Protein backbone atom coordinates (compact mmCIF):
# COMPACT_ATOMS: atom_id res chain seq x y z
CA MET A 1 30.02 -35.77 -139.85
CA ARG A 2 26.45 -34.76 -140.62
CA THR A 3 24.88 -32.23 -138.30
CA TRP A 4 21.22 -31.89 -137.30
CA TRP A 5 20.64 -28.97 -139.65
CA GLN A 6 21.97 -30.97 -142.62
CA GLU A 7 19.53 -33.78 -141.86
CA LEU A 8 16.61 -31.33 -141.51
CA ALA A 9 17.60 -29.66 -144.77
CA GLY A 10 17.62 -33.03 -146.52
CA LEU A 11 14.10 -33.68 -145.31
CA ALA A 12 12.65 -30.26 -146.04
CA LEU A 13 14.30 -28.88 -149.18
CA PRO A 14 13.09 -29.78 -152.69
CA VAL A 15 15.09 -32.64 -154.20
CA ASP A 16 15.20 -34.61 -157.41
CA CYS A 17 14.59 -38.34 -157.68
CA ALA A 18 17.69 -40.18 -156.47
CA GLY A 19 17.12 -42.85 -159.10
CA CYS A 20 16.46 -40.97 -162.32
CA GLY A 21 16.65 -37.24 -161.51
CA ALA A 22 12.94 -36.50 -161.96
CA ALA A 23 12.21 -33.06 -160.52
CA ARG A 24 10.88 -32.37 -157.02
CA VAL A 25 10.41 -35.92 -155.81
CA ARG A 26 12.84 -37.87 -153.63
CA LEU A 27 12.01 -41.18 -155.32
CA CYS A 28 9.61 -41.38 -158.24
CA ASP A 29 7.13 -44.24 -158.58
CA PRO A 30 8.97 -46.09 -161.40
CA CYS A 31 12.27 -46.01 -159.46
CA GLY A 32 10.45 -46.99 -156.29
CA ASP A 33 8.97 -49.97 -158.13
CA GLU A 34 12.49 -51.22 -158.87
CA LEU A 35 12.99 -51.47 -155.10
CA SER A 36 9.65 -53.15 -154.42
CA GLY A 37 11.27 -56.54 -153.97
CA ALA A 38 8.77 -58.17 -156.31
CA GLY A 39 11.60 -59.99 -158.08
CA ALA A 40 13.49 -61.03 -154.93
CA GLY A 41 15.20 -64.38 -155.19
CA PRO A 42 18.39 -66.37 -154.76
CA VAL A 43 21.65 -65.21 -156.32
CA SER A 44 25.06 -66.80 -156.67
CA PRO A 45 28.31 -65.00 -157.51
CA SER A 46 30.61 -66.84 -159.89
CA PRO A 47 33.07 -68.08 -158.85
CA ARG A 48 31.37 -68.77 -155.54
CA PRO A 49 33.67 -68.24 -152.53
CA ALA A 50 34.00 -71.00 -149.97
CA GLY A 51 31.78 -70.51 -146.95
CA LEU A 52 29.28 -68.22 -148.66
CA PRO A 53 25.77 -68.96 -147.32
CA ALA A 54 22.68 -68.90 -149.51
CA VAL A 55 22.13 -65.30 -150.61
CA HIS A 56 18.87 -63.66 -151.66
CA ALA A 57 18.65 -60.27 -153.36
CA ALA A 58 15.76 -57.92 -154.05
CA ALA A 59 16.97 -56.23 -157.23
CA VAL A 60 19.61 -56.10 -159.92
CA TYR A 61 22.44 -53.69 -159.14
CA GLY A 62 22.45 -51.04 -161.83
CA GLY A 63 20.56 -48.03 -163.12
CA ALA A 64 18.16 -46.48 -160.62
CA VAL A 65 18.89 -49.09 -157.93
CA ARG A 66 22.60 -48.30 -158.00
CA ALA A 67 21.90 -44.56 -157.98
CA VAL A 68 19.61 -44.82 -154.95
CA LEU A 69 22.08 -46.95 -153.01
CA LEU A 70 24.90 -44.49 -153.70
CA ALA A 71 22.74 -41.48 -152.80
CA HIS A 72 21.94 -43.07 -149.44
CA LYS A 73 25.48 -44.31 -148.74
CA GLU A 74 27.71 -41.55 -150.07
CA ARG A 75 25.52 -38.45 -150.15
CA GLY A 76 23.63 -39.04 -146.91
CA ALA A 77 20.11 -39.13 -148.38
CA LEU A 78 18.84 -40.74 -145.18
CA PRO A 79 15.11 -40.96 -146.03
CA LEU A 80 16.04 -43.43 -148.78
CA ALA A 81 16.66 -45.99 -146.04
CA GLY A 82 12.88 -46.57 -146.09
CA PRO A 83 12.55 -47.87 -149.66
CA LEU A 84 15.92 -49.63 -149.43
CA GLY A 85 14.74 -51.30 -146.22
CA ARG A 86 11.59 -52.43 -148.00
CA ALA A 87 13.76 -54.09 -150.65
CA LEU A 88 15.99 -55.73 -148.06
CA ALA A 89 12.96 -57.00 -146.13
CA ALA A 90 11.71 -58.64 -149.33
CA ALA A 91 15.09 -60.34 -149.81
CA VAL A 92 15.05 -61.56 -146.18
CA HIS A 93 11.53 -62.91 -146.61
CA SER A 94 12.53 -64.62 -149.85
CA GLY A 95 15.29 -66.46 -148.04
CA THR A 96 13.38 -67.35 -144.88
CA ALA A 97 9.86 -68.04 -146.13
CA GLY A 98 8.73 -71.48 -145.06
CA GLY A 99 11.46 -71.75 -142.42
CA ARG A 100 10.99 -72.41 -138.73
CA GLY A 101 9.60 -69.72 -136.46
CA GLY A 102 11.36 -67.91 -133.66
CA GLU A 103 13.28 -64.68 -133.56
CA LEU A 104 14.85 -63.44 -136.77
CA VAL A 105 18.12 -61.58 -136.19
CA LEU A 106 19.52 -59.39 -138.95
CA VAL A 107 23.30 -59.05 -138.61
CA PRO A 108 24.60 -56.18 -140.75
CA VAL A 109 28.03 -56.34 -142.34
CA PRO A 110 30.04 -53.62 -140.54
CA SER A 111 31.53 -50.59 -142.23
CA ALA A 112 35.02 -49.40 -141.34
CA ARG A 113 34.98 -46.83 -138.55
CA ARG A 114 36.70 -44.27 -140.75
CA GLN A 115 33.94 -44.65 -143.36
CA VAL A 116 31.21 -44.24 -140.75
CA ARG A 117 32.89 -41.06 -139.49
CA ALA A 118 33.30 -39.69 -143.01
CA ARG A 119 29.71 -40.45 -144.02
CA GLY A 120 28.15 -39.55 -140.68
CA HIS A 121 26.13 -42.77 -140.60
CA ASP A 122 26.38 -46.53 -141.12
CA PRO A 123 24.31 -47.14 -144.28
CA VAL A 124 23.96 -50.93 -144.01
CA ARG A 125 22.92 -50.77 -140.37
CA ARG A 126 20.37 -48.04 -141.16
CA ILE A 127 18.87 -50.08 -144.01
CA ALA A 128 18.81 -53.18 -141.77
CA CYS A 129 16.86 -51.27 -139.11
CA ALA A 130 14.33 -50.14 -141.72
CA ALA A 131 14.00 -53.73 -142.97
CA ALA A 132 13.50 -55.12 -139.45
CA ALA A 133 10.79 -52.54 -138.76
CA ARG A 134 8.99 -53.53 -141.93
CA LEU A 135 9.24 -57.23 -141.07
CA ARG A 136 7.81 -56.56 -137.60
CA ARG A 137 4.86 -54.74 -139.14
CA ALA A 138 4.26 -57.91 -141.18
CA GLY A 139 4.17 -59.98 -138.00
CA VAL A 140 7.77 -61.29 -138.06
CA ALA A 141 9.72 -61.12 -134.81
CA ALA A 142 12.76 -59.39 -136.31
CA ARG A 143 15.50 -57.24 -134.85
CA VAL A 144 18.94 -55.96 -135.77
CA ALA A 145 22.02 -57.13 -133.87
CA PRO A 146 25.21 -55.32 -134.99
CA VAL A 147 27.47 -57.98 -133.47
CA LEU A 148 30.23 -57.85 -136.10
CA ARG A 149 33.19 -55.48 -136.23
CA GLN A 150 36.41 -55.15 -138.17
CA ARG A 151 39.34 -56.51 -136.19
CA ARG A 152 41.93 -55.06 -138.55
CA THR A 153 42.18 -52.50 -141.31
CA VAL A 154 41.27 -53.64 -144.80
CA ALA A 155 42.05 -52.02 -148.13
CA ASP A 156 39.39 -50.31 -150.21
CA GLN A 157 37.58 -53.05 -152.13
CA ALA A 158 36.98 -50.89 -155.20
CA GLY A 159 38.97 -52.20 -158.14
CA LEU A 160 39.88 -55.51 -156.49
CA GLY A 161 39.10 -58.81 -158.18
CA ALA A 162 37.42 -61.79 -156.52
CA VAL A 163 40.65 -63.42 -155.33
CA GLN A 164 42.07 -60.11 -154.10
CA ARG A 165 38.88 -59.37 -152.17
CA ARG A 166 38.97 -62.73 -150.44
CA GLU A 167 42.62 -62.20 -149.47
CA ASN A 168 41.88 -58.64 -148.31
CA LEU A 169 39.02 -59.76 -146.05
CA ALA A 170 40.37 -63.06 -144.75
CA GLY A 171 40.09 -62.99 -140.96
CA ALA A 172 39.11 -59.31 -140.96
CA LEU A 173 35.82 -59.62 -139.04
CA GLU A 174 35.00 -60.79 -135.54
CA VAL A 175 32.05 -60.88 -133.16
CA CYS A 176 32.01 -58.24 -130.42
CA ARG A 177 32.03 -60.11 -127.13
CA ASP A 178 30.58 -57.11 -125.31
CA GLY A 179 28.04 -56.31 -128.01
CA PRO A 180 24.35 -57.21 -128.45
CA ARG A 181 23.30 -60.71 -127.49
CA VAL A 182 21.87 -63.29 -129.87
CA THR A 183 19.55 -65.71 -128.14
CA ALA A 184 20.02 -69.44 -128.62
CA GLY A 185 17.89 -70.77 -131.44
CA ALA A 186 17.51 -67.43 -133.21
CA ARG A 187 17.63 -67.42 -136.98
CA ILE A 188 20.60 -65.32 -138.09
CA VAL A 189 20.54 -63.59 -141.47
CA LEU A 190 23.59 -61.64 -142.60
CA VAL A 191 22.61 -58.46 -144.42
CA ASP A 192 24.47 -56.07 -146.74
CA ASP A 193 23.55 -53.52 -149.37
CA VAL A 194 25.18 -55.18 -152.39
CA VAL A 195 26.80 -58.51 -153.17
CA THR A 196 29.42 -58.67 -155.93
CA THR A 197 32.02 -61.41 -155.43
CA GLY A 198 30.49 -62.65 -152.16
CA ALA A 199 33.81 -62.29 -150.29
CA THR A 200 32.41 -59.95 -147.61
CA LEU A 201 29.42 -62.16 -146.77
CA ALA A 202 31.62 -65.27 -146.75
CA GLU A 203 33.94 -63.62 -144.21
CA ALA A 204 30.97 -62.47 -142.11
CA ALA A 205 29.61 -66.02 -142.09
CA ARG A 206 33.00 -67.37 -141.00
CA ALA A 207 33.17 -64.88 -138.11
CA VAL A 208 29.66 -65.76 -136.92
CA ARG A 209 30.36 -69.49 -137.01
CA ALA A 210 33.77 -69.05 -135.33
CA ALA A 211 32.08 -67.29 -132.42
CA GLY A 212 29.63 -70.15 -132.00
CA LEU A 213 26.57 -68.01 -132.66
CA SER A 214 25.28 -70.47 -135.21
CA ALA A 215 26.42 -73.89 -136.36
CA ALA A 216 25.43 -72.86 -139.87
CA VAL A 217 24.26 -69.38 -140.86
CA PRO A 218 20.78 -69.80 -142.38
CA GLY A 219 21.48 -67.30 -145.12
CA ALA A 220 22.20 -63.80 -146.23
CA ALA A 221 20.14 -61.04 -147.82
CA VAL A 222 21.08 -57.95 -149.80
CA VAL A 223 19.31 -55.12 -151.52
CA ALA A 224 20.97 -55.76 -154.86
CA ALA A 225 23.22 -58.14 -156.77
CA SER A 226 24.74 -58.09 -160.23
CA ALA A 227 22.60 -59.28 -163.13
CA ASP A 228 25.08 -62.13 -163.66
CA SER A 229 24.41 -63.39 -160.14
CA PHE A 230 20.70 -63.72 -160.88
CA VAL A 231 21.34 -65.30 -164.29
CA GLN A 232 23.85 -67.78 -162.88
CA ILE A 233 21.48 -69.41 -160.42
CA ARG A 234 18.48 -69.31 -162.73
CA SER A 235 20.42 -70.96 -165.55
CA THR A 236 21.59 -73.64 -163.09
CA ARG A 237 17.99 -74.31 -162.08
CA SER A 238 16.95 -74.43 -165.72
CA ARG A 239 19.62 -77.05 -166.53
CA GLY A 240 18.50 -79.09 -163.52
CA GLN A 241 14.89 -79.05 -164.66
CA LYS A 242 15.85 -80.14 -168.17
CA SER A 243 17.95 -83.01 -166.85
CA ARG A 244 14.89 -84.35 -164.98
CA GLU A 245 12.64 -84.15 -168.01
């Protein structure tokens, strides 16, 4: 587990850019621009798992974006939660813009307890908190409600295919009955750092609906998604436009 002196050292000592390795800067401007959220939009894994809500992502998972996410998650570069939160806030806004008002509740996908202990922090929850703070500064009544938890042990997802991931996660999440409250009528948005097959977000949506928190989860938002996920939904839209012409 990280100690206070490790966190202070991470803030004070010279570092290289987490995205590209540029000297003496935690995140250079070009890498920061990739997390600006300017290209945020809907994504759709293929094949799309049953129960997956509409998902919006801020960036393509790869290159500098992947490097920054891994530096924050696995190497404890905690200040990177700021720019990652900015990206997540853009994805949330992309999915909720034009929707009804009221409280916006970001529900982070939970990490396994053993992973939180090993890393010394919960990366998705930290990014969600940064995103909520940014949304509040923009005038959106947003907060984080970590209401989900793992009800059983799941295998490491690395190396598993789409079907294996769905089987691994089926019934794995539940809502904490003694956890934070979600007020009636609140807009719930599931949040995660990356979407690949969509199995994790589909299971999170199932758990939220099963607990009666929402008849239908309005959507989900992530920092990054695969390039194929962006291409898939854009090509679908393009075919739809051509069919109407």
